Amino acid sequence: MKQHIFPAVKLSLLSLVVFAIIYPAIIWLAAQATPNKGKGEVATVNGKVVGYANEGQNFSQDKYFWSRPSAVGYNAAGSGGSNKGPNNPDYLQQVKERLDTFLVHNPAVKREQVPVEMITASGSGLDPDISPEAAYIQVKRIATIRELPETGIKNLIDKNTEKPLLGLFGTSKINVLKLNIALDKLQR
């Protein structure tokens, strides 16, 4: 029996040291080399922190671009999806309500034009990005409320669009918080 217990105890202690001390120390040191010391990308306006660019934010005012819906209420402490399947009646009702709300606030948009990402939550519930198509579909509403030309807002979308890595990996996307900050600067 000793021949089995001692190796198991040694392996457990070695695993404890490696995975509870050495590995976290390496990750912490790597984080210290990043611009914000591993705390994420902070978005500031006039020296005031307005949010984190790598977390989804809830924008519900019509004068701003809206983010993807969140299954967790944009709470980073409880990241996750809804776990409801695509045929779940509660989920289908929720998607229908999101679609109806989107159409009420964007009357120039037809039902079939609404990008799926604007009515379905992401897997994490905290997706900070939308596609350029999801941004363009909101231009008319924002231009009307802010009394800005649509072309100026479309140019802003183009400037804030992140292209795929090397033109191959990923999709084009726009960080909604950064876009809304730029939108406020444009209006000033």
Foldseek 3Di string as FASTA:
>chain_A
DVVPVVVVVVVVVVCCCVVVPVVVVVVQVVLCPDPVSVPAAFDDDPNHTDDGLAWADADDDLLAQGAFAFQVNSDQVQWFFVPDDPPDPVLVVQLVVQLVVVCVLQVVDDSVQADSRNRGADGRRTHQKDALSSQLSSLVSNCVVLVHDSVVLNVLSVVQWDQADVNPHDHIIGGRVVSRVVSVVVSD
